[in-house]
């Protein structure tokens, strides 16, 4: 089972706007807290077993997301 969060935009062509990234981080922190999960439980769509996609795209800042989530739970 999982929870999917969709961002509007093509991040294979452009970067995620800062406000959208901040909103994503805040929502993921909220969901991790409510469901007693850890940042290591978060997977990008392309990393889900069996997924054949580059989603969320090559310009999606996965490293920033991971760093901010870890910071929120340290």
PDB file of N, CA and C in Angstrom:
ATOM      1  N   UNK A   1       0.842  -1.165   0.000  1.00  0.00           N
ATOM      2  CA  UNK A   1       0.000   0.000   0.000  1.00  0.00           C
ATOM      3  C   UNK A   1       0.890   1.232   0.000  1.00  0.00           C
ATOM      4  N   UNK A   2       0.399   2.306  -0.552  1.00  0.00           N
ATOM      5  CA  UNK A   2       1.179   3.525  -0.584  1.00  0.00           C
ATOM      6  C   UNK A   2       0.286   4.744  -0.748  1.00  0.00           C
ATOM      7  N   UNK A   3       0.901   5.884  -0.614  1.00  0.00           N
ATOM      8  CA  UNK A   3       0.238   7.167  -0.814  1.00  0.00           C
ATOM      9  C   UNK A   3       0.974   7.853  -1.951  1.00  0.00           C
ATOM     10  N   UNK A   4       0.245   8.276  -2.967  1.00  0.00           N
ATOM     11  CA  UNK A   4       0.859   8.979  -4.087  1.00  0.00           C
ATOM     12  C   UNK A   4       0.581  10.465  -4.008  1.00  0.00           C
ATOM     13  N   UNK A   5       1.590  11.255  -4.320  1.00  0.00           N
ATOM     14  CA  UNK A   5       1.438  12.706  -4.383  1.00  0.00           C
ATOM     15  C   UNK A   5       1.819  13.126  -5.793  1.00  0.00           C
ATOM     16  N   UNK A   6       0.949  13.865  -6.437  1.00  0.00           N
ATOM     17  CA  UNK A   6       1.174  14.302  -7.810  1.00  0.00           C
ATOM     18  C   UNK A   6       1.529  15.778  -7.842  1.00  0.00           C
ATOM     19  N   UNK A   7       2.599  16.115  -8.546  1.00  0.00           N
ATOM     20  CA  UNK A   7       2.942  17.508  -8.804  1.00  0.00           C
ATOM     21  C   UNK A   7       2.601  17.802 -10.255  1.00  0.00           C
ATOM     22  N   UNK A   8       2.000  18.945 -10.513  1.00  0.00           N
ATOM     23  CA  UNK A   8       1.674  19.339 -11.877  1.00  0.00           C
ATOM     24  C   UNK A   8       2.908  19.960 -12.506  1.00  0.00           C
ATOM     25  N   UNK A   9       3.283  19.450 -13.658  1.00  0.00           N
ATOM     26  CA  UNK A   9       4.440  19.976 -14.373  1.00  0.00           C
ATOM     27  C   UNK A   9       5.232  18.845 -14.991  1.00  0.00           C
ATOM     28  N   UNK A  10       6.058  19.194 -15.955  1.00  0.00           N
ATOM     29  CA  UNK A  10       6.926  18.221 -16.610  1.00  0.00           C
ATOM     30  C   UNK A  10       8.354  18.493 -16.171  1.00  0.00           C
ATOM     31  N   UNK A  11       8.799  17.763 -15.171  1.00  0.00           N
ATOM     32  CA  UNK A  11      10.109  18.013 -14.598  1.00  0.00           C
ATOM     33  C   UNK A  11      11.222  17.254 -15.311  1.00  0.00           C
ATOM     34  N   UNK A  12      10.889  16.758 -16.483  1.00  0.00           N
ATOM     35  CA  UNK A  12      11.908  16.274 -17.410  1.00  0.00           C
ATOM     36  C   UNK A  12      12.332  17.423 -18.316  1.00  0.00           C
ATOM     37  N   UNK A  13      11.552  18.499 -18.307  1.00  0.00           N
ATOM     38  CA  UNK A  13      11.835  19.658 -19.158  1.00  0.00           C
ATOM     39  C   UNK A  13      12.197  20.914 -18.382  1.00  0.00           C
ATOM     40  N   UNK A  14      11.718  21.024 -17.144  1.00  0.00           N
ATOM     41  CA  UNK A  14      12.017  22.222 -16.355  1.00  0.00           C
ATOM     42  C   UNK A  14      12.090  21.864 -14.881  1.00  0.00           C
ATOM     43  N   UNK A  15      12.650  22.779 -14.105  1.00  0.00           N
ATOM     44  CA  UNK A  15      12.803  22.552 -12.665  1.00  0.00           C
ATOM     45  C   UNK A  15      11.492  22.776 -11.931  1.00  0.00           C
ATOM     46  N   UNK A  16      11.401  22.169 -10.772  1.00  0.00           N
ATOM     47  CA  UNK A  16      10.242  22.341  -9.904  1.00  0.00           C
ATOM     48  C   UNK A  16      10.301  23.751  -9.310  1.00  0.00           C
ATOM     49  N   UNK A  17       9.220  24.527  -9.420  1.00  0.00           N
ATOM     50  CA  UNK A  17       9.214  25.853  -8.782  1.00  0.00           C
ATOM     51  C   UNK A  17       9.420  25.718  -7.265  1.00  0.00           C
ATOM     52  N   UNK A  18      10.128  26.677  -6.689  1.00  0.00           N
ATOM     53  CA  UNK A  18      10.441  26.625  -5.257  1.00  0.00           C
ATOM     54  C   UNK A  18       9.205  26.483  -4.394  1.00  0.00           C
ATOM     55  N   UNK A  19       8.148  27.233  -4.701  1.00  0.00           N
ATOM     56  CA  UNK A  19       6.935  27.161  -3.872  1.00  0.00           C
ATOM     57  C   UNK A  19       6.298  25.779  -3.934  1.00  0.00           C
ATOM     58  N   UNK A  20       6.375  25.140  -5.099  1.00  0.00           N
ATOM     59  CA  UNK A  20       5.816  23.804  -5.242  1.00  0.00           C
ATOM     60  C   UNK A  20       6.644  22.782  -4.457  1.00  0.00           C
ATOM     61  N   UNK A  21       7.953  22.943  -4.496  1.00  0.00           N
ATOM     62  CA  UNK A  21       8.835  22.037  -3.755  1.00  0.00           C
ATOM     63  C   UNK A  21       8.625  22.188  -2.249  1.00  0.00           C
ATOM     64  N   UNK A  22       8.493  23.410  -1.772  1.00  0.00           N
ATOM     65  CA  UNK A  22       8.247  23.648  -0.347  1.00  0.00           C
ATOM     66  C   UNK A  22       6.912  23.020   0.066  1.00  0.00           C
ATOM     67  N   UNK A  23       5.892  23.179  -0.766  1.00  0.00           N
ATOM     68  CA  UNK A  23       4.594  22.571  -0.465  1.00  0.00           C
ATOM     69  C   UNK A  23       4.682  21.059  -0.411  1.00  0.00           C
ATOM     70  N   UNK A  24       5.444  20.475  -1.338  1.00  0.00           N
ATOM     71  CA  UNK A  24       5.636  19.025  -1.339  1.00  0.00           C
ATOM     72  C   UNK A  24       6.323  18.564  -0.063  1.00  0.00           C
ATOM     73  N   UNK A  25       7.389  19.231   0.307  1.00  0.00           N
ATOM     74  CA  UNK A  25       8.133  18.864   1.518  1.00  0.00           C
ATOM     75  C   UNK A  25       7.219  18.942   2.737  1.00  0.00           C
ATOM     76  N   UNK A  26       6.460  20.024   2.841  1.00  0.00           N
ATOM     77  CA  UNK A  26       5.553  20.181   3.982  1.00  0.00           C
ATOM     78  C   UNK A  26       4.507  19.068   4.023  1.00  0.00           C
ATOM     79  N   UNK A  27       3.951  18.717   2.876  1.00  0.00           N
ATOM     80  CA  UNK A  27       2.928  17.666   2.827  1.00  0.00           C
ATOM     81  C   UNK A  27       3.532  16.309   3.179  1.00  0.00           C
ATOM     82  N   UNK A  28       4.706  16.009   2.671  1.00  0.00           N
ATOM     83  CA  UNK A  28       5.340  14.723   2.970  1.00  0.00           C
ATOM     84  C   UNK A  28       5.685  14.631   4.455  1.00  0.00           C
ATOM     85  N   UNK A  29       6.192  15.707   5.034  1.00  0.00           N
ATOM     86  CA  UNK A  29       6.488  15.713   6.475  1.00  0.00           C
ATOM     87  C   UNK A  29       5.210  15.452   7.263  1.00  0.00           C
ATOM     88  N   UNK A  30       4.130  16.105   6.872  1.00  0.00           N
ATOM     89  CA  UNK A  30       2.848  15.907   7.544  1.00  0.00           C
ATOM     90  C   UNK A  30       2.394  14.445   7.457  1.00  0.00           C
ATOM     91  N   UNK A  31       2.470  13.864   6.263  1.00  0.00           N
ATOM     92  CA  UNK A  31       2.042  12.478   6.085  1.00  0.00           C
ATOM     93  C   UNK A  31       2.938  11.499   6.839  1.00  0.00           C
ATOM     94  N   UNK A  32       4.232  11.733   6.829  1.00  0.00           N
ATOM     95  CA  UNK A  32       5.138  10.859   7.569  1.00  0.00           C
ATOM     96  C   UNK A  32       4.816  10.890   9.059  1.00  0.00           C
ATOM     97  N   UNK A  33       4.505  12.067   9.559  1.00  0.00           N
ATOM     98  CA  UNK A  33       4.175  12.222  10.971  1.00  0.00           C
ATOM     99  C   UNK A  33       2.865  11.511  11.308  1.00  0.00           C
ATOM    100  N   UNK A  34       1.844  11.752  10.521  1.00  0.00           N
ATOM    101  CA  UNK A  34       0.520  11.165  10.787  1.00  0.00           C
ATOM    102  C   UNK A  34       0.567   9.638  10.740  1.00  0.00           C
ATOM    103  N   UNK A  35       1.332   9.092   9.802  1.00  0.00           N
ATOM    104  CA  UNK A  35       1.363   7.635   9.629  1.00  0.00           C
ATOM    105  C   UNK A  35       2.574   6.970  10.281  1.00  0.00           C
ATOM    106  N   UNK A  36       3.291   7.718  11.105  1.00  0.00           N
ATOM    107  CA  UNK A  36       4.458   7.195  11.843  1.00  0.00           C
ATOM    108  C   UNK A  36       5.463   6.521  10.914  1.00  0.00           C
ATOM    109  N   UNK A  37       5.791   7.213   9.840  1.00  0.00           N
ATOM    110  CA  UNK A  37       6.771   6.714   8.875  1.00  0.00           C
ATOM    111  C   UNK A  37       8.058   7.512   8.983  1.00  0.00           C
ATOM    112  N   UNK A  38       9.083   7.042   8.279  1.00  0.00           N
ATOM    113  CA  UNK A  38      10.390   7.700   8.280  1.00  0.00           C
ATOM    114  C   UNK A  38      10.707   8.205   6.879  1.00  0.00           C
ATOM    115  N   UNK A  39      11.614   9.160   6.761  1.00  0.00           N
ATOM    116  CA  UNK A  39      12.012   9.650   5.437  1.00  0.00           C
ATOM    117  C   UNK A  39      12.498   8.530   4.509  1.00  0.00           C
ATOM    118  N   UNK A  40      13.060   7.486   5.069  1.00  0.00           N
ATOM    119  CA  UNK A  40      13.528   6.373   4.241  1.00  0.00           C
ATOM    120  C   UNK A  40      12.378   5.576   3.628  1.00  0.00           C
ATOM    121  N   UNK A  41      11.157   5.825   4.099  1.00  0.00           N
ATOM    122  CA  UNK A  41       9.982   5.153   3.537  1.00  0.00           C
ATOM    123  C   UNK A  41       9.493   5.826   2.257  1.00  0.00           C
ATOM    124  N   UNK A  42      10.028   6.986   1.942  1.00  0.00           N
ATOM    125  CA  UNK A  42       9.585   7.745   0.763  1.00  0.00           C
ATOM    126  C   UNK A  42      10.296   7.211  -0.488  1.00  0.00           C
ATOM    127  N   UNK A  43       9.507   6.923  -1.519  1.00  0.00           N
ATOM    128  CA  UNK A  43      10.039   6.475  -2.806  1.00  0.00           C
ATOM    129  C   UNK A  43       9.546   7.409  -3.909  1.00  0.00           C
ATOM    130  N   UNK A  44      10.409   7.691  -4.846  1.00  0.00           N
ATOM    131  CA  UNK A  44       9.982   8.418  -6.043  1.00  0.00           C
ATOM    132  C   UNK A  44       9.284   7.432  -6.971  1.00  0.00           C
ATOM    133  N   UNK A  45       8.425   7.935  -7.825  1.00  0.00           N
ATOM    134  CA  UNK A  45       7.674   7.065  -8.742  1.00  0.00           C
ATOM    135  C   UNK A  45       8.616   6.155  -9.528  1.00  0.00           C
ATOM    136  N   UNK A  46       9.719   6.703 -10.030  1.00  0.00           N
ATOM    137  CA  UNK A  46      10.653   5.901 -10.835  1.00  0.00           C
ATOM    138  C   UNK A  46      11.345   4.799 -10.037  1.00  0.00           C
ATOM    139  N   UNK A  47      11.324   4.918  -8.711  1.00  0.00           N
ATOM    140  CA  UNK A  47      11.995   3.939  -7.857  1.00  0.00           C
ATOM    141  C   UNK A  47      11.070   2.845  -7.338  1.00  0.00           C
ATOM    142  N   UNK A  48       9.779   2.949  -7.637  1.00  0.00           N
ATOM    143  CA  UNK A  48       8.822   1.931  -7.211  1.00  0.00           C
ATOM    144  C   UNK A  48       9.073   0.661  -8.026  1.00  0.00           C
ATOM    145  N   UNK A  49       9.173  -0.491  -7.397  1.00  0.00           N
ATOM    146  CA  UNK A  49       9.416  -1.724  -8.146  1.00  0.00           C
ATOM    147  C   UNK A  49       8.398  -1.919  -9.275  1.00  0.00           C
ATOM    148  N   UNK A  50       8.906  -2.180 -10.458  1.00  0.00           N
ATOM    149  CA  UNK A  50       8.061  -2.405 -11.621  1.00  0.00           C
ATOM    150  C   UNK A  50       7.715  -1.153 -12.406  1.00  0.00           C
ATOM    151  N   UNK A  51       8.080   0.013 -11.900  1.00  0.00           N
ATOM    152  CA  UNK A  51       7.765   1.258 -12.605  1.00  0.00           C
ATOM    153  C   UNK A  51       8.687   1.420 -13.810  1.00  0.00           C
ATOM    154  N   UNK A  52       8.111   1.801 -14.934  1.00  0.00           N
ATOM    155  CA  UNK A  52       8.892   2.056 -16.154  1.00  0.00           C
ATOM    156  C   UNK A  52       8.676   3.514 -16.544  1.00  0.00           C
ATOM    157  N   UNK A  53       9.261   4.403 -15.738  1.00  0.00           N
ATOM    158  CA  UNK A  53       9.058   5.833 -15.944  1.00  0.00           C
ATOM    159  C   UNK A  53      10.276   6.596 -15.447  1.00  0.00           C
ATOM    160  N   UNK A  54      10.469   7.809 -15.962  1.00  0.00           N
ATOM    161  CA  UNK A  54      11.514   8.664 -15.399  1.00  0.00           C
ATOM    162  C   UNK A  54      10.899   9.663 -14.416  1.00  0.00           C
ATOM    163  N   UNK A  55       9.588   9.544 -14.211  1.00  0.00           N
ATOM    164  CA  UNK A  55       8.860  10.404 -13.283  1.00  0.00           C
ATOM    165  C   UNK A  55       9.516  10.344 -11.904  1.00  0.00           C
ATOM    166  N   UNK A  56       9.748  11.418 -11.244  1.00  0.00           N
ATOM    167  CA  UNK A  56       9.252  12.762 -11.476  1.00  0.00           C
ATOM    168  C   UNK A  56      10.082  13.609 -12.429  1.00  0.00           C
ATOM    169  N   UNK A  57      11.034  13.053 -13.112  1.00  0.00           N
ATOM    170  CA  UNK A  57      11.793  13.794 -14.116  1.00  0.00           C
ATOM    171  C   UNK A  57      13.217  14.077 -13.699  1.00  0.00           C
ATOM    172  N   UNK A  58      14.047  14.308 -14.693  1.00  0.00           N
ATOM    173  CA  UNK A  58      15.482  14.504 -14.419  1.00  0.00           C
ATOM    174  C   UNK A  58      15.785  15.805 -13.691  1.00  0.00           C
ATOM    175  N   UNK A  59      14.877  16.776 -13.737  1.00  0.00           N
ATOM    176  CA  UNK A  59      15.096  18.037 -13.031  1.00  0.00           C
ATOM    177  C   UNK A  59      14.460  18.067 -11.652  1.00  0.00           C
ATOM    178  N   UNK A  60      13.857  16.966 -11.239  1.00  0.00           N
ATOM    179  CA  UNK A  60      13.286  16.911  -9.893  1.00  0.00           C
ATOM    180  C   UNK A  60      14.430  16.786  -8.889  1.00  0.00           C
ATOM    181  N   UNK A  61      14.478  17.675  -7.886  1.00  0.00           N
ATOM    182  CA  UNK A  61      15.597  17.673  -6.932  1.00  0.00           C
ATOM    183  C   UNK A  61      15.436  16.636  -5.812  1.00  0.00           C
ATOM    184  N   UNK A  62      15.609  15.382  -6.166  1.00  0.00           N
ATOM    185  CA  UNK A  62      15.445  14.293  -5.193  1.00  0.00           C
ATOM    186  C   UNK A  62      16.390  14.458  -4.013  1.00  0.00           C
ATOM    187  N   UNK A  63      17.592  14.955  -4.266  1.00  0.00           N
ATOM    188  CA  UNK A  63      18.562  15.145  -3.187  1.00  0.00           C
ATOM    189  C   UNK A  63      18.092  16.202  -2.195  1.00  0.00           C
ATOM    190  N   UNK A  64      17.464  17.254  -2.694  1.00  0.00           N
ATOM    191  CA  UNK A  64      16.941  18.300  -1.816  1.00  0.00           C
ATOM    192  C   UNK A  64      15.777  17.758  -0.991  1.00  0.00           C
ATOM    193  N   UNK A  65      14.879  17.025  -1.635  1.00  0.00           N
ATOM    194  CA  UNK A  65      13.754  16.428  -0.915  1.00  0.00           C
ATOM    195  C   UNK A  65      14.264  15.536   0.213  1.00  0.00           C
ATOM    196  N   UNK A  66      15.181  14.653  -0.103  1.00  0.00           N
ATOM    197  CA  UNK A  66      15.718  13.729   0.898  1.00  0.00           C
ATOM    198  C   UNK A  66      16.377  14.480   2.049  1.00  0.00           C
ATOM    199  N   UNK A  67      17.190  15.481   1.731  1.00  0.00           N
ATOM    200  CA  UNK A  67      17.882  16.261   2.754  1.00  0.00           C
ATOM    201  C   UNK A  67      16.893  16.985   3.665  1.00  0.00           C
ATOM    202  N   UNK A  68      15.886  17.607   3.081  1.00  0.00           N
ATOM    203  CA  UNK A  68      14.902  18.352   3.876  1.00  0.00           C
ATOM    204  C   UNK A  68      14.063  17.428   4.758  1.00  0.00           C
ATOM    205  N   UNK A  69      13.729  16.253   4.244  1.00  0.00           N
ATOM    206  CA  UNK A  69      12.971  15.299   5.057  1.00  0.00           C
ATOM    207  C   UNK A  69      13.822  14.812   6.233  1.00  0.00           C
ATOM    208  N   UNK A  70      15.063  14.488   5.967  1.00  0.00           N
ATOM    209  CA  UNK A  70      15.952  14.023   7.048  1.00  0.00           C
ATOM    210  C   UNK A  70      16.138  15.117   8.088  1.00  0.00           C
ATOM    211  N   UNK A  71      16.271  16.359   7.637  1.00  0.00           N
ATOM    212  CA  UNK A  71      16.433  17.484   8.549  1.00  0.00           C
ATOM    213  C   UNK A  71      15.190  17.651   9.435  1.00  0.00           C
ATOM    214  N   UNK A  72      14.030  17.426   8.869  1.00  0.00           N
ATOM    215  CA  UNK A  72      12.786  17.587   9.620  1.00  0.00           C
ATOM    216  C   UNK A  72      12.606  16.534  10.712  1.00  0.00           C
ATOM    217  N   UNK A  73      13.300  15.404  10.571  1.00  0.00           N
ATOM    218  CA  UNK A  73      13.133  14.306  11.528  1.00  0.00           C
ATOM    219  C   UNK A  73      14.384  14.020  12.353  1.00  0.00           C
ATOM    220  N   UNK A  74      15.336  14.954  12.306  1.00  0.00           N
ATOM    221  CA  UNK A  74      16.560  14.722  13.095  1.00  0.00           C
ATOM    222  C   UNK A  74      16.502  15.414  14.435  1.00  0.00           C
TER     223      UNK A  74
END
